[in-house]
């Protein structure tokens, strides 16, 4: 698919009706020797070059394609019309600068965060919550007002054991967006919290209360907490062991394994990696 094309009656159906199903089509109506057209043409070309995969720059010569001009009801130049799915969706007549044109296009072009969200959603449907987390976290960073982004991130957080973070995120969801997915995530959190209080963990916590300086008990509890997705608590315990004895048993390896298992983009990953490296170096 060409990102720039001259539209004629011969290719009208292909460009305006067919190609606009996949991309936004920006139709530039112009005329040879007409100064306003000549002034805006390089601006439109420059802007179009910014979006080679999502925008088609279609040019209509008003002196040779009068039928197309009449079909769109163009009455003055320069005129630009945006077409999506075979229908005009926006446009302008008269001079516009680059900033104004980009602002207009941004209302209709797919956003980076939307693409990240769609990729993350596909990964979630495949059960790959770790990779999905990294992508949807980027989407939320780009637009933290979108409830659908935040709900998907919260879902990934629950699946990855970040219960505390998920609860904080869900608290920002307004009533109007508390849909079936929101309720499903709340249910997952409740089940995760119940599972996290296993008899093994309770027993180890009691032993550690009686013997708070026992490094072996701390590492055993850290491992159990990690297995039930209480990752931050596990890392805090493991780090406390390293602070006391950097070379205790396999504490260093286990701690780094826990950190490396976190998805890219998780603040805990960089936070605890820095803490461990500070001890190592």
C-alpha atoms as a PDB file:
ATOM      1  CA  UNK A   1       0.000   0.000   0.000  1.00  0.00           C
ATOM      2  CA  UNK A   2       1.450   3.369  -1.064  1.00  0.00           C
ATOM      3  CA  UNK A   3       1.599   6.067   1.610  1.00  0.00           C
ATOM      4  CA  UNK A   4       1.235   8.764  -1.074  1.00  0.00           C
ATOM      5  CA  UNK A   5      -0.948   8.497  -4.165  1.00  0.00           C
ATOM      6  CA  UNK A   6      -2.602  10.660  -6.840  1.00  0.00           C
ATOM      7  CA  UNK A   7      -6.322   9.882  -6.898  1.00  0.00           C
ATOM      8  CA  UNK A   8      -8.174   9.521 -10.188  1.00  0.00           C
ATOM      9  CA  UNK A   9     -11.476   7.964 -11.166  1.00  0.00           C
ATOM     10  CA  UNK A  10      -9.578   4.781 -12.024  1.00  0.00           C
ATOM     11  CA  UNK A  11      -8.176   4.222  -8.495  1.00  0.00           C
ATOM     12  CA  UNK A  12     -10.853   6.093  -6.519  1.00  0.00           C
ATOM     13  CA  UNK A  13     -12.592   2.954  -5.297  1.00  0.00           C
ATOM     14  CA  UNK A  14      -9.302   1.307  -4.278  1.00  0.00           C
ATOM     15  CA  UNK A  15      -7.967   4.274  -2.313  1.00  0.00           C
ATOM     16  CA  UNK A  16     -11.077   5.909  -0.891  1.00  0.00           C
ATOM     17  CA  UNK A  17     -13.248   2.869  -0.284  1.00  0.00           C
ATOM     18  CA  UNK A  18     -10.829  -0.023   0.179  1.00  0.00           C
ATOM     19  CA  UNK A  19      -7.577   1.413   1.554  1.00  0.00           C
ATOM     20  CA  UNK A  20      -9.449   3.628   4.020  1.00  0.00           C
ATOM     21  CA  UNK A  21     -10.584   0.418   5.748  1.00  0.00           C
ATOM     22  CA  UNK A  22      -6.991  -0.158   6.850  1.00  0.00           C
ATOM     23  CA  UNK A  23      -5.605   3.388   7.111  1.00  0.00           C
ATOM     24  CA  UNK A  24      -6.744   6.945   7.556  1.00  0.00           C
ATOM     25  CA  UNK A  25      -6.776   8.665   4.145  1.00  0.00           C
ATOM     26  CA  UNK A  26      -5.875  12.368   4.028  1.00  0.00           C
ATOM     27  CA  UNK A  27      -7.152  13.785   0.721  1.00  0.00           C
ATOM     28  CA  UNK A  28      -5.430  16.954  -0.412  1.00  0.00           C
ATOM     29  CA  UNK A  29      -7.339  18.916  -3.064  1.00  0.00           C
ATOM     30  CA  UNK A  30      -4.953  21.119  -5.016  1.00  0.00           C
ATOM     31  CA  UNK A  31      -4.514  23.054  -8.243  1.00  0.00           C
ATOM     32  CA  UNK A  32      -1.392  23.800 -10.265  1.00  0.00           C
ATOM     33  CA  UNK A  33      -0.238  27.426 -10.025  1.00  0.00           C
ATOM     34  CA  UNK A  34      -2.553  28.255  -7.121  1.00  0.00           C
ATOM     35  CA  UNK A  35      -0.368  29.769  -4.394  1.00  0.00           C
ATOM     36  CA  UNK A  36      -2.298  28.580  -1.282  1.00  0.00           C
ATOM     37  CA  UNK A  37      -2.134  25.003  -2.602  1.00  0.00           C
ATOM     38  CA  UNK A  38       1.585  25.260  -3.262  1.00  0.00           C
ATOM     39  CA  UNK A  39       2.203  26.652   0.228  1.00  0.00           C
ATOM     40  CA  UNK A  40       0.410  23.900   2.127  1.00  0.00           C
ATOM     41  CA  UNK A  41       1.548  20.987  -0.059  1.00  0.00           C
ATOM     42  CA  UNK A  42       5.045  20.567   1.493  1.00  0.00           C
ATOM     43  CA  UNK A  43       3.537  20.844   4.987  1.00  0.00           C
ATOM     44  CA  UNK A  44       1.093  18.027   4.247  1.00  0.00           C
ATOM     45  CA  UNK A  45       3.882  15.924   2.741  1.00  0.00           C
ATOM     46  CA  UNK A  46       6.023  16.453   5.832  1.00  0.00           C
ATOM     47  CA  UNK A  47       3.195  15.562   8.195  1.00  0.00           C
ATOM     48  CA  UNK A  48       2.248  12.478   6.186  1.00  0.00           C
ATOM     49  CA  UNK A  49       5.829  11.211   6.429  1.00  0.00           C
ATOM     50  CA  UNK A  50       5.409  10.977  10.217  1.00  0.00           C
ATOM     51  CA  UNK A  51       2.754   8.258   9.866  1.00  0.00           C
ATOM     52  CA  UNK A  52       3.878   5.966   7.016  1.00  0.00           C
ATOM     53  CA  UNK A  53       2.037   2.903   8.371  1.00  0.00           C
ATOM     54  CA  UNK A  54      -1.271   4.457   9.373  1.00  0.00           C
ATOM     55  CA  UNK A  55      -1.861   7.377   6.998  1.00  0.00           C
ATOM     56  CA  UNK A  56      -2.297   7.589   3.212  1.00  0.00           C
ATOM     57  CA  UNK A  57      -1.685  10.990   1.645  1.00  0.00           C
ATOM     58  CA  UNK A  58      -4.032  11.130  -1.345  1.00  0.00           C
ATOM     59  CA  UNK A  59      -3.796  14.078  -3.750  1.00  0.00           C
ATOM     60  CA  UNK A  60      -6.613  15.186  -6.044  1.00  0.00           C
ATOM     61  CA  UNK A  61      -5.780  17.541  -8.924  1.00  0.00           C
ATOM     62  CA  UNK A  62      -8.845  19.771  -9.104  1.00  0.00           C
ATOM     63  CA  UNK A  63      -8.065  20.803 -12.711  1.00  0.00           C
ATOM     64  CA  UNK A  64      -8.238  17.223 -14.037  1.00  0.00           C
ATOM     65  CA  UNK A  65     -10.486  15.408 -11.539  1.00  0.00           C
ATOM     66  CA  UNK A  66     -13.567  17.619 -11.455  1.00  0.00           C
ATOM     67  CA  UNK A  67     -15.933  14.668 -10.814  1.00  0.00           C
ATOM     68  CA  UNK A  68     -14.122  13.785  -7.590  1.00  0.00           C
ATOM     69  CA  UNK A  69     -14.079  17.448  -6.558  1.00  0.00           C
ATOM     70  CA  UNK A  70     -17.842  17.659  -7.094  1.00  0.00           C
ATOM     71  CA  UNK A  71     -18.445  14.417  -5.222  1.00  0.00           C
ATOM     72  CA  UNK A  72     -16.776  15.839  -2.104  1.00  0.00           C
ATOM     73  CA  UNK A  73     -18.377  19.253  -2.514  1.00  0.00           C
ATOM     74  CA  UNK A  74     -15.072  21.128  -2.488  1.00  0.00           C
ATOM     75  CA  UNK A  75     -15.629  24.864  -2.949  1.00  0.00           C
ATOM     76  CA  UNK A  76     -12.255  26.400  -2.174  1.00  0.00           C
ATOM     77  CA  UNK A  77      -8.561  25.619  -1.903  1.00  0.00           C
ATOM     78  CA  UNK A  78      -6.676  24.403  -0.081  1.00  0.00           C
ATOM     79  CA  UNK A  79      -9.109  21.771   1.223  1.00  0.00           C
ATOM     80  CA  UNK A  80      -8.162  18.600   3.084  1.00  0.00           C
ATOM     81  CA  UNK A  81     -10.653  15.850   3.908  1.00  0.00           C
ATOM     82  CA  UNK A  82      -9.982  12.855   6.145  1.00  0.00           C
ATOM     83  CA  UNK A  83     -11.625   9.585   5.142  1.00  0.00           C
ATOM     84  CA  UNK A  84     -11.940   6.456   7.276  1.00  0.00           C
ATOM     85  CA  UNK A  85     -13.864   3.296   6.362  1.00  0.00           C
ATOM     86  CA  UNK A  86     -15.007   4.932   3.139  1.00  0.00           C
ATOM     87  CA  UNK A  87     -16.582   7.941   4.874  1.00  0.00           C
ATOM     88  CA  UNK A  88     -15.372  11.532   5.449  1.00  0.00           C
ATOM     89  CA  UNK A  89     -14.695  11.963   9.183  1.00  0.00           C
ATOM     90  CA  UNK A  90     -13.009  15.371   9.406  1.00  0.00           C
ATOM     91  CA  UNK A  91     -11.105  17.986   7.477  1.00  0.00           C
ATOM     92  CA  UNK A  92     -10.376  21.669   6.998  1.00  0.00           C
ATOM     93  CA  UNK A  93     -10.432  24.397   4.389  1.00  0.00           C
ATOM     94  CA  UNK A  94      -7.925  27.205   4.203  1.00  0.00           C
ATOM     95  CA  UNK A  95      -4.367  27.597   5.499  1.00  0.00           C
ATOM     96  CA  UNK A  96      -3.220  25.449   8.440  1.00  0.00           C
ATOM     97  CA  UNK A  97       0.188  25.097  10.033  1.00  0.00           C
ATOM     98  CA  UNK A  98       1.912  21.810  10.846  1.00  0.00           C
ATOM     99  CA  UNK A  99       0.846  21.832  14.502  1.00  0.00           C
ATOM    100  CA  UNK A 100      -2.819  22.285  13.620  1.00  0.00           C
ATOM    101  CA  UNK A 101      -2.703  19.491  11.053  1.00  0.00           C
ATOM    102  CA  UNK A 102      -1.003  17.066  13.455  1.00  0.00           C
ATOM    103  CA  UNK A 103      -3.570  17.909  16.134  1.00  0.00           C
ATOM    104  CA  UNK A 104      -6.395  17.153  13.705  1.00  0.00           C
ATOM    105  CA  UNK A 105      -4.851  13.845  12.625  1.00  0.00           C
ATOM    106  CA  UNK A 106      -4.219  12.767  16.223  1.00  0.00           C
ATOM    107  CA  UNK A 107      -7.976  12.618  16.787  1.00  0.00           C
ATOM    108  CA  UNK A 108      -8.317   9.881  14.198  1.00  0.00           C
ATOM    109  CA  UNK A 109      -5.011   8.011  13.980  1.00  0.00           C
ATOM    110  CA  UNK A 110      -4.458   4.967  16.211  1.00  0.00           C
ATOM    111  CA  UNK A 111      -2.467   5.855  19.299  1.00  0.00           C
ATOM    112  CA  UNK A 112       0.640   4.011  20.495  1.00  0.00           C
ATOM    113  CA  UNK A 113      -1.053   3.175  23.788  1.00  0.00           C
ATOM    114  CA  UNK A 114      -4.007   1.592  21.986  1.00  0.00           C
ATOM    115  CA  UNK A 115      -1.659  -0.694  20.085  1.00  0.00           C
ATOM    116  CA  UNK A 116       0.169  -1.628  23.295  1.00  0.00           C
ATOM    117  CA  UNK A 117      -3.146  -2.428  24.968  1.00  0.00           C
ATOM    118  CA  UNK A 118      -4.300  -4.640  22.081  1.00  0.00           C
ATOM    119  CA  UNK A 119      -1.003  -6.537  22.116  1.00  0.00           C
ATOM    120  CA  UNK A 120      -1.263  -6.987  25.891  1.00  0.00           C
ATOM    121  CA  UNK A 121      -4.848  -8.200  25.595  1.00  0.00           C
ATOM    122  CA  UNK A 122      -3.785 -10.830  23.063  1.00  0.00           C
ATOM    123  CA  UNK A 123      -1.028 -12.023  25.408  1.00  0.00           C
ATOM    124  CA  UNK A 124      -3.451 -12.223  28.343  1.00  0.00           C
ATOM    125  CA  UNK A 125      -5.775 -14.361  26.240  1.00  0.00           C
ATOM    126  CA  UNK A 126      -2.776 -16.628  25.607  1.00  0.00           C
ATOM    127  CA  UNK A 127      -2.019 -16.774  29.334  1.00  0.00           C
ATOM    128  CA  UNK A 128       1.239 -14.790  29.068  1.00  0.00           C
ATOM    129  CA  UNK A 129       0.645 -12.303  31.886  1.00  0.00           C
ATOM    130  CA  UNK A 130       4.302 -11.412  32.325  1.00  0.00           C
ATOM    131  CA  UNK A 131       4.786 -10.081  28.787  1.00  0.00           C
ATOM    132  CA  UNK A 132       1.303  -8.565  28.860  1.00  0.00           C
ATOM    133  CA  UNK A 133       2.169  -6.666  32.055  1.00  0.00           C
ATOM    134  CA  UNK A 134       5.164  -4.973  30.422  1.00  0.00           C
ATOM    135  CA  UNK A 135       3.084  -3.760  27.471  1.00  0.00           C
ATOM    136  CA  UNK A 136      -0.032  -2.631  29.328  1.00  0.00           C
ATOM    137  CA  UNK A 137       2.122  -0.870  31.944  1.00  0.00           C
ATOM    138  CA  UNK A 138       3.540   1.244  29.103  1.00  0.00           C
ATOM    139  CA  UNK A 139      -0.001   1.970  27.905  1.00  0.00           C
ATOM    140  CA  UNK A 140      -1.043   3.131  31.381  1.00  0.00           C
ATOM    141  CA  UNK A 141       2.074   5.304  31.646  1.00  0.00           C
ATOM    142  CA  UNK A 142       1.027   6.999  28.386  1.00  0.00           C
ATOM    143  CA  UNK A 143      -2.630   7.425  29.400  1.00  0.00           C
ATOM    144  CA  UNK A 144      -3.487   6.808  33.054  1.00  0.00           C
ATOM    145  CA  UNK A 145      -7.090   7.957  32.620  1.00  0.00           C
ATOM    146  CA  UNK A 146      -8.222   4.939  30.585  1.00  0.00           C
ATOM    147  CA  UNK A 147     -10.127   2.511  32.815  1.00  0.00           C
ATOM    148  CA  UNK A 148      -9.735  -0.371  30.348  1.00  0.00           C
ATOM    149  CA  UNK A 149      -5.947   0.026  30.461  1.00  0.00           C
ATOM    150  CA  UNK A 150      -5.912   0.096  34.253  1.00  0.00           C
ATOM    151  CA  UNK A 151      -8.204  -2.902  34.598  1.00  0.00           C
ATOM    152  CA  UNK A 152      -6.017  -5.011  32.326  1.00  0.00           C
ATOM    153  CA  UNK A 153      -2.929  -3.940  34.264  1.00  0.00           C
ATOM    154  CA  UNK A 154      -4.637  -4.807  37.565  1.00  0.00           C
ATOM    155  CA  UNK A 155      -5.559  -8.218  36.173  1.00  0.00           C
ATOM    156  CA  UNK A 156      -1.924  -8.846  35.229  1.00  0.00           C
ATOM    157  CA  UNK A 157      -0.781  -7.657  38.649  1.00  0.00           C
ATOM    158  CA  UNK A 158      -3.065 -10.134  40.401  1.00  0.00           C
ATOM    159  CA  UNK A 159      -1.872 -12.987  38.204  1.00  0.00           C
ATOM    160  CA  UNK A 160       1.737 -12.027  38.958  1.00  0.00           C
ATOM    161  CA  UNK A 161       1.128 -11.751  42.698  1.00  0.00           C
ATOM    162  CA  UNK A 162       1.144  -7.973  42.958  1.00  0.00           C
ATOM    163  CA  UNK A 163      -2.001  -7.934  45.073  1.00  0.00           C
ATOM    164  CA  UNK A 164      -1.236  -4.717  46.927  1.00  0.00           C
ATOM    165  CA  UNK A 165      -0.534  -2.813  43.701  1.00  0.00           C
ATOM    166  CA  UNK A 166      -3.675  -4.207  42.072  1.00  0.00           C
ATOM    167  CA  UNK A 167      -5.837  -3.064  44.986  1.00  0.00           C
ATOM    168  CA  UNK A 168      -4.355   0.436  44.812  1.00  0.00           C
ATOM    169  CA  UNK A 169      -5.037   0.583  41.075  1.00  0.00           C
ATOM    170  CA  UNK A 170      -8.612  -0.704  41.433  1.00  0.00           C
ATOM    171  CA  UNK A 171      -9.287   2.038  43.974  1.00  0.00           C
ATOM    172  CA  UNK A 172      -8.856   4.571  41.135  1.00  0.00           C
ATOM    173  CA  UNK A 173     -11.606   2.998  39.004  1.00  0.00           C
ATOM    174  CA  UNK A 174     -14.802   5.061  39.062  1.00  0.00           C
ATOM    175  CA  UNK A 175     -18.246   3.571  39.599  1.00  0.00           C
ATOM    176  CA  UNK A 176     -19.173   3.891  35.931  1.00  0.00           C
ATOM    177  CA  UNK A 177     -16.247   1.615  34.977  1.00  0.00           C
ATOM    178  CA  UNK A 178     -16.753  -1.018  37.680  1.00  0.00           C
ATOM    179  CA  UNK A 179     -17.892  -3.623  35.185  1.00  0.00           C
ATOM    180  CA  UNK A 180     -17.754  -7.418  35.067  1.00  0.00           C
ATOM    181  CA  UNK A 181     -13.969  -7.392  34.621  1.00  0.00           C
ATOM    182  CA  UNK A 182     -13.584  -5.172  37.687  1.00  0.00           C
ATOM    183  CA  UNK A 183     -15.673  -7.593  39.760  1.00  0.00           C
ATOM    184  CA  UNK A 184     -13.739 -10.554  38.381  1.00  0.00           C
ATOM    185  CA  UNK A 185     -10.444  -9.007  39.478  1.00  0.00           C
ATOM    186  CA  UNK A 186     -11.850  -8.359  42.969  1.00  0.00           C
ATOM    187  CA  UNK A 187     -12.774 -12.039  43.138  1.00  0.00           C
ATOM    188  CA  UNK A 188      -9.266 -13.057  42.105  1.00  0.00           C
ATOM    189  CA  UNK A 189      -7.798 -10.832  44.800  1.00  0.00           C
ATOM    190  CA  UNK A 190     -10.005 -12.390  47.475  1.00  0.00           C
ATOM    191  CA  UNK A 191      -8.988 -15.896  46.435  1.00  0.00           C
ATOM    192  CA  UNK A 192      -5.303 -14.927  46.269  1.00  0.00           C
ATOM    193  CA  UNK A 193      -5.394 -13.419  49.752  1.00  0.00           C
ATOM    194  CA  UNK A 194      -7.026 -16.558  51.151  1.00  0.00           C
ATOM    195  CA  UNK A 195      -4.458 -18.809  49.471  1.00  0.00           C
ATOM    196  CA  UNK A 196      -1.602 -16.661  50.717  1.00  0.00           C
ATOM    197  CA  UNK A 197      -2.331 -17.586  54.335  1.00  0.00           C
ATOM    198  CA  UNK A 198      -1.185 -21.188  54.012  1.00  0.00           C
ATOM    199  CA  UNK A 199      -0.503 -23.339  57.119  1.00  0.00           C
ATOM    200  CA  UNK A 200       3.208 -23.487  56.155  1.00  0.00           C
ATOM    201  CA  UNK A 201       3.479 -19.705  56.100  1.00  0.00           C
ATOM    202  CA  UNK A 202       1.617 -19.301  59.390  1.00  0.00           C
ATOM    203  CA  UNK A 203       3.878 -21.887  61.057  1.00  0.00           C
ATOM    204  CA  UNK A 204       7.062 -20.224  59.758  1.00  0.00           C
ATOM    205  CA  UNK A 205       5.823 -16.790  60.869  1.00  0.00           C
ATOM    206  CA  UNK A 206       5.233 -18.140  64.364  1.00  0.00           C
ATOM    207  CA  UNK A 207       8.701 -19.732  64.467  1.00  0.00           C
ATOM    208  CA  UNK A 208      10.289 -16.493  63.275  1.00  0.00           C
ATOM    209  CA  UNK A 209       8.449 -14.498  65.901  1.00  0.00           C
ATOM    210  CA  UNK A 210      10.020 -16.782  68.531  1.00  0.00           C
ATOM    211  CA  UNK A 211      13.456 -16.620  66.865  1.00  0.00           C
ATOM    212  CA  UNK A 212      13.615 -13.298  64.930  1.00  0.00           C
ATOM    213  CA  UNK A 213      17.352 -13.494  64.130  1.00  0.00           C
ATOM    214  CA  UNK A 214      17.195 -16.913  62.481  1.00  0.00           C
ATOM    215  CA  UNK A 215      18.363 -16.298  58.898  1.00  0.00           C
ATOM    216  CA  UNK A 216      17.446 -19.785  57.733  1.00  0.00           C
ATOM    217  CA  UNK A 217      13.858 -19.317  58.893  1.00  0.00           C
ATOM    218  CA  UNK A 218      13.720 -15.947  57.127  1.00  0.00           C
ATOM    219  CA  UNK A 219      14.819 -17.461  53.823  1.00  0.00           C
ATOM    220  CA  UNK A 220      12.394 -20.375  54.182  1.00  0.00           C
ATOM    221  CA  UNK A 221       9.562 -17.915  54.802  1.00  0.00           C
ATOM    222  CA  UNK A 222      10.718 -15.730  51.897  1.00  0.00           C
ATOM    223  CA  UNK A 223      10.548 -18.717  49.551  1.00  0.00           C
ATOM    224  CA  UNK A 224       7.063 -19.670  50.788  1.00  0.00           C
ATOM    225  CA  UNK A 225       5.825 -16.095  50.423  1.00  0.00           C
ATOM    226  CA  UNK A 226       7.227 -15.919  46.898  1.00  0.00           C
ATOM    227  CA  UNK A 227       5.485 -19.154  45.961  1.00  0.00           C
ATOM    228  CA  UNK A 228       2.148 -17.673  47.032  1.00  0.00           C
ATOM    229  CA  UNK A 229       2.886 -14.506  45.030  1.00  0.00           C
ATOM    230  CA  UNK A 230       3.544 -12.297  48.050  1.00  0.00           C
ATOM    231  CA  UNK A 231       6.587 -11.052  46.186  1.00  0.00           C
ATOM    232  CA  UNK A 232       7.339  -7.785  47.942  1.00  0.00           C
ATOM    233  CA  UNK A 233       7.167  -9.380  51.395  1.00  0.00           C
ATOM    234  CA  UNK A 234       9.444 -12.163  50.167  1.00  0.00           C
ATOM    235  CA  UNK A 235      11.989  -9.703  48.801  1.00  0.00           C
ATOM    236  CA  UNK A 236      11.981  -7.664  52.013  1.00  0.00           C
ATOM    237  CA  UNK A 237      12.769 -10.784  54.048  1.00  0.00           C
ATOM    238  CA  UNK A 238      15.433 -11.984  51.626  1.00  0.00           C
ATOM    239  CA  UNK A 239      17.053  -8.550  51.574  1.00  0.00           C
ATOM    240  CA  UNK A 240      17.089  -8.492  55.382  1.00  0.00           C
ATOM    241  CA  UNK A 241      19.049 -11.761  55.279  1.00  0.00           C
ATOM    242  CA  UNK A 242      21.590 -10.311  52.819  1.00  0.00           C
ATOM    243  CA  UNK A 243      22.022  -7.208  54.951  1.00  0.00           C
ATOM    244  CA  UNK A 244      22.938  -9.446  57.883  1.00  0.00           C
ATOM    245  CA  UNK A 245      25.072 -11.899  55.893  1.00  0.00           C
ATOM    246  CA  UNK A 246      25.661 -11.330  52.188  1.00  0.00           C
ATOM    247  CA  UNK A 247      27.023 -14.848  51.738  1.00  0.00           C
ATOM    248  CA  UNK A 248      24.439 -16.743  53.771  1.00  0.00           C
ATOM    249  CA  UNK A 249      23.725 -20.104  52.091  1.00  0.00           C
ATOM    250  CA  UNK A 250      22.083 -19.488  48.698  1.00  0.00           C
ATOM    251  CA  UNK A 251      20.248 -16.327  49.825  1.00  0.00           C
ATOM    252  CA  UNK A 252      21.944 -14.158  47.189  1.00  0.00           C
ATOM    253  CA  UNK A 253      20.978 -16.445  44.303  1.00  0.00           C
ATOM    254  CA  UNK A 254      17.405 -16.897  45.529  1.00  0.00           C
ATOM    255  CA  UNK A 255      16.959 -13.135  45.922  1.00  0.00           C
ATOM    256  CA  UNK A 256      18.277 -12.416  42.429  1.00  0.00           C
ATOM    257  CA  UNK A 257      16.081 -15.181  41.016  1.00  0.00           C
ATOM    258  CA  UNK A 258      13.030 -13.553  42.622  1.00  0.00           C
ATOM    259  CA  UNK A 259      13.994 -10.176  41.174  1.00  0.00           C
ATOM    260  CA  UNK A 260      14.703 -11.530  37.694  1.00  0.00           C
ATOM    261  CA  UNK A 261      11.341 -13.324  37.661  1.00  0.00           C
ATOM    262  CA  UNK A 262       9.526  -9.980  37.875  1.00  0.00           C
ATOM    263  CA  UNK A 263       8.222  -8.576  34.569  1.00  0.00           C
ATOM    264  CA  UNK A 264      10.048  -5.718  32.878  1.00  0.00           C
ATOM    265  CA  UNK A 265       8.485  -2.424  33.896  1.00  0.00           C
ATOM    266  CA  UNK A 266       7.587  -3.593  37.406  1.00  0.00           C
ATOM    267  CA  UNK A 267       8.859  -0.903  39.836  1.00  0.00           C
ATOM    268  CA  UNK A 268       9.776  -3.664  42.323  1.00  0.00           C
ATOM    269  CA  UNK A 269      12.291  -5.063  39.851  1.00  0.00           C
ATOM    270  CA  UNK A 270      14.391  -1.919  39.640  1.00  0.00           C
ATOM    271  CA  UNK A 271      13.851  -1.069  43.317  1.00  0.00           C
ATOM    272  CA  UNK A 272      15.181  -4.345  44.722  1.00  0.00           C
ATOM    273  CA  UNK A 273      17.839  -4.762  42.053  1.00  0.00           C
ATOM    274  CA  UNK A 274      19.305  -1.430  43.159  1.00  0.00           C
ATOM    275  CA  UNK A 275      19.176  -2.503  46.815  1.00  0.00           C
ATOM    276  CA  UNK A 276      20.963  -5.794  46.130  1.00  0.00           C
ATOM    277  CA  UNK A 277      23.595  -4.167  43.899  1.00  0.00           C
ATOM    278  CA  UNK A 278      24.232  -1.595  46.640  1.00  0.00           C
ATOM    279  CA  UNK A 279      25.128  -4.469  48.945  1.00  0.00           C
ATOM    280  CA  UNK A 280      27.232  -6.238  46.327  1.00  0.00           C
ATOM    281  CA  UNK A 281      29.227  -3.215  45.205  1.00  0.00           C
END
